Amino acid sequence: MNIPNILTLLRVALIPIFILLYYLPLHWSYLAAATVFTLASLTDWLDGYLARKWQQSTAFGAFLDPVADKLMVAVALVLLVQAHANFWVTAPAMVIIGREIVISALREWMAEIGARAQVAVSNLGKYKTAAQMVALIVLLANPPTFSSWVILGYVLLMISAVLTLWSMCLYLKAAWPHMSMHSDQKSDK
């Protein structure tokens, strides 16, 4: 166990705290939930930075880090879909969660055939993540009422969903030669 892995575990441990804060019937609860979510998001950057800088990358960290990220984002999206109950949150949430399921399965399959590097994280994925995190922080920090901040959150979430679909298409395009090759091999048998 090293500091980067401890930070990743901390990110998972903060999930129930930000859920509890989000549902507290207090005027500051949304801002508190968003603050905890922001802190958890920063640990994502920090654990990766420290693991690289201190050369403390581990198999456990490589497994847990993306799981912690996906859990954190999925929980935030579910909270927001329930609270906002509208198309502007529900549609992007479906796209984002659906893409994560598709890409996780794709990466697992590509790893099985020894071509995992073909579906590595790209710069587009980093832009998508940045737009997504800012959107989630803005929406978590504000009550689900119509305001300029909430509209900004909706716009950023929609942008994030478009980038999510775009990055998924790029991953699928990169994987397509391997998928069609393995399909051809099966049909030859």
Protein backbone atom coordinates (compact mmCIF):
# COMPACT_ATOMS: atom_id res chain seq x y z
CA MET A 1 0.00 0.00 0.00
CA ASN A 2 1.43 3.35 -1.04
CA ILE A 3 0.21 6.97 -0.96
CA PRO A 4 -1.23 6.97 -4.52
CA ASN A 5 -3.28 3.84 -3.69
CA ILE A 6 -4.40 5.35 -0.39
CA LEU A 7 -5.59 8.45 -2.29
CA THR A 8 -7.56 6.22 -4.67
CA LEU A 9 -9.17 4.41 -1.73
CA LEU A 10 -9.95 7.80 -0.18
CA ARG A 11 -11.80 8.75 -3.38
CA VAL A 12 -14.02 5.68 -2.99
CA ALA A 13 -14.53 6.40 0.72
CA LEU A 14 -15.67 9.97 -0.08
CA ILE A 15 -18.57 8.73 -2.25
CA PRO A 16 -20.99 7.98 0.63
CA ILE A 17 -20.02 11.28 2.26
CA PHE A 18 -20.91 13.34 -0.79
CA ILE A 19 -24.19 11.38 -1.18
CA LEU A 20 -25.11 12.10 2.44
CA LEU A 21 -24.20 15.78 2.09
CA TYR A 22 -26.21 16.10 -1.13
CA TYR A 23 -29.39 14.86 0.57
CA LEU A 24 -29.07 16.83 3.81
CA PRO A 25 -31.97 19.29 4.11
CA LEU A 26 -29.66 22.26 4.76
CA HIS A 27 -29.07 25.33 2.60
CA TRP A 28 -25.33 24.58 2.31
CA SER A 29 -25.66 20.86 1.51
CA TYR A 30 -25.27 21.18 -2.28
CA LEU A 31 -22.13 23.26 -1.98
CA ALA A 32 -20.71 20.86 0.62
CA ALA A 33 -21.43 17.84 -1.61
CA ALA A 34 -19.79 19.59 -4.56
CA THR A 35 -16.76 20.44 -2.41
CA VAL A 36 -16.30 16.79 -1.40
CA PHE A 37 -16.77 15.72 -5.02
CA THR A 38 -14.16 18.29 -6.09
CA LEU A 39 -11.75 17.03 -3.43
CA ALA A 40 -12.29 13.47 -4.64
CA SER A 41 -11.71 14.60 -8.25
CA LEU A 42 -8.45 16.26 -7.27
CA THR A 43 -7.24 13.04 -5.62
CA ASP A 44 -7.67 11.40 -9.04
CA TRP A 45 -5.15 13.79 -10.56
CA LEU A 46 -2.87 13.69 -7.49
CA ASP A 47 -2.69 9.89 -7.18
CA GLY A 48 -1.68 9.54 -10.85
CA TYR A 49 0.87 12.34 -10.57
CA LEU A 50 2.44 10.87 -7.43
CA ALA A 51 2.45 7.32 -8.78
CA ARG A 52 4.38 8.50 -11.85
CA LYS A 53 6.69 10.89 -9.99
CA TRP A 54 7.57 8.42 -7.24
CA GLN A 55 7.47 5.41 -9.61
CA GLN A 56 4.86 3.75 -7.40
CA SER A 57 2.51 2.44 -10.06
CA THR A 58 1.02 -0.87 -8.98
CA ALA A 59 -1.31 -3.43 -10.53
CA PHE A 60 -3.78 -2.72 -7.71
CA GLY A 61 -3.68 1.01 -8.46
CA ALA A 62 -4.06 0.42 -12.20
CA PHE A 63 -7.19 -1.62 -11.46
CA LEU A 64 -8.70 0.55 -8.71
CA ASP A 65 -8.10 4.03 -10.16
CA PRO A 66 -10.48 3.74 -13.14
CA VAL A 67 -13.02 1.88 -10.99
CA ALA A 68 -12.98 4.70 -8.41
CA ASP A 69 -13.39 7.29 -11.18
CA LYS A 70 -16.32 5.49 -12.77
CA LEU A 71 -18.02 4.91 -9.41
CA MET A 72 -17.68 8.55 -8.47
CA VAL A 73 -19.03 9.84 -11.79
CA ALA A 74 -21.86 7.28 -11.99
CA VAL A 75 -23.02 8.08 -8.46
CA ALA A 76 -22.96 11.82 -9.16
CA LEU A 77 -24.93 11.32 -12.37
CA VAL A 78 -27.53 9.16 -10.64
CA LEU A 79 -27.96 11.79 -7.91
CA LEU A 80 -28.36 14.53 -10.51
CA VAL A 81 -30.79 12.53 -12.69
CA GLN A 82 -32.98 11.94 -9.63
CA ALA A 83 -32.81 15.57 -8.47
CA HIS A 84 -33.22 17.30 -11.84
CA ALA A 85 -35.47 14.72 -13.53
CA ASN A 86 -35.18 16.24 -16.99
CA PHE A 87 -33.81 15.49 -20.43
CA TRP A 88 -30.81 17.83 -20.01
CA VAL A 89 -29.33 15.64 -17.29
CA THR A 90 -30.86 12.23 -18.08
CA ALA A 91 -29.77 11.99 -21.74
CA PRO A 92 -26.11 12.89 -21.09
CA ALA A 93 -26.07 10.61 -18.04
CA MET A 94 -27.28 7.68 -20.17
CA VAL A 95 -24.65 8.44 -22.82
CA ILE A 96 -21.82 8.79 -20.27
CA ILE A 97 -22.68 5.67 -18.26
CA GLY A 98 -23.44 3.64 -21.40
CA ARG A 99 -20.13 4.65 -22.97
CA GLU A 100 -18.23 3.63 -19.84
CA ILE A 101 -19.81 0.17 -19.98
CA VAL A 102 -19.04 -0.22 -23.70
CA ILE A 103 -15.45 1.01 -23.43
CA SER A 104 -14.72 -1.05 -20.30
CA ALA A 105 -15.93 -4.18 -22.09
CA LEU A 106 -13.96 -3.21 -25.20
CA ARG A 107 -10.75 -2.66 -23.22
CA GLU A 108 -11.19 -6.00 -21.45
CA TRP A 109 -11.72 -7.81 -24.75
CA MET A 110 -8.78 -6.01 -26.39
CA ALA A 111 -6.58 -6.99 -23.45
CA GLU A 112 -7.63 -10.63 -23.92
CA ILE A 113 -6.46 -10.58 -27.53
CA GLY A 114 -3.26 -8.69 -26.65
CA ALA A 115 -4.23 -5.40 -28.28
CA ARG A 116 -5.03 -3.27 -25.22
CA ALA A 117 -2.72 -0.44 -26.38
CA GLN A 118 -5.07 0.19 -29.34
CA VAL A 119 -7.70 1.56 -26.91
CA ALA A 120 -5.48 3.64 -24.63
CA VAL A 121 -6.71 6.92 -23.16
CA SER A 122 -6.51 9.79 -25.65
CA ASN A 123 -6.35 13.57 -25.28
CA LEU A 124 -10.00 13.74 -26.35
CA GLY A 125 -10.81 11.56 -23.34
CA LYS A 126 -9.03 14.06 -21.11
CA TYR A 127 -11.07 16.97 -22.52
CA LYS A 128 -14.23 14.93 -22.07
CA THR A 129 -13.31 14.24 -18.47
CA ALA A 130 -12.55 17.89 -17.77
CA ALA A 131 -15.91 19.07 -19.21
CA GLN A 132 -17.70 16.28 -17.36
CA MET A 133 -16.11 17.03 -13.99
CA VAL A 134 -16.75 20.77 -14.22
CA ALA A 135 -20.37 20.09 -15.25
CA LEU A 136 -20.86 17.70 -12.33
CA ILE A 137 -19.31 20.10 -9.83
CA VAL A 138 -21.47 23.00 -11.08
CA LEU A 139 -24.66 20.89 -10.98
CA LEU A 140 -23.88 19.34 -7.60
CA ALA A 141 -23.15 22.78 -6.11
CA ASN A 142 -26.53 24.24 -7.08
CA PRO A 143 -30.08 23.26 -6.17
CA PRO A 144 -32.02 21.73 -9.06
CA THR A 145 -33.81 24.98 -9.88
CA PHE A 146 -33.55 27.02 -13.04
CA SER A 147 -30.56 29.38 -12.75
CA SER A 148 -27.66 30.54 -14.89
CA TRP A 149 -25.32 28.16 -13.04
CA VAL A 150 -27.61 25.20 -13.66
CA ILE A 151 -27.91 26.13 -17.35
CA LEU A 152 -24.09 26.29 -17.54
CA GLY A 153 -23.97 22.83 -15.93
CA TYR A 154 -26.47 21.48 -18.48
CA VAL A 155 -24.48 22.93 -21.39
CA LEU A 156 -21.20 21.50 -20.08
CA LEU A 157 -22.85 18.12 -19.47
CA MET A 158 -24.20 18.09 -23.04
CA ILE A 159 -20.73 19.02 -24.38
CA SER A 160 -19.31 16.23 -22.26
CA ALA A 161 -21.86 13.78 -23.70
CA VAL A 162 -20.94 14.78 -27.29
CA LEU A 163 -17.23 14.36 -26.51
CA THR A 164 -18.08 11.04 -24.85
CA LEU A 165 -19.78 9.74 -28.01
CA TRP A 166 -16.97 11.06 -30.18
CA SER A 167 -14.29 9.36 -28.07
CA MET A 168 -16.31 6.12 -28.05
CA CYS A 169 -16.46 6.22 -31.86
CA LEU A 170 -12.69 6.72 -32.01
CA TYR A 171 -12.12 3.77 -29.64
CA LEU A 172 -14.44 1.56 -31.68
CA LYS A 173 -12.76 2.66 -34.91
CA ALA A 174 -9.34 1.78 -33.47
CA ALA A 175 -10.64 -1.60 -32.32
CA TRP A 176 -12.61 -2.39 -35.49
CA PRO A 177 -9.74 -4.10 -37.39
CA HIS A 178 -9.26 -6.44 -34.42
CA MET A 179 -12.99 -7.10 -34.09
CA SER A 180 -13.45 -7.81 -37.79
CA MET A 181 -10.27 -9.94 -37.89
CA HIS A 182 -11.50 -12.09 -34.99
CA SER A 183 -14.96 -12.29 -36.58
CA ASP A 184 -13.39 -13.52 -39.84
CA GLN A 185 -11.33 -16.12 -37.96
CA LYS A 186 -14.46 -17.48 -36.24
CA SER A 187 -16.37 -17.71 -39.52
CA ASP A 188 -13.48 -19.68 -41.09
CA LYS A 189 -13.83 -22.42 -38.45
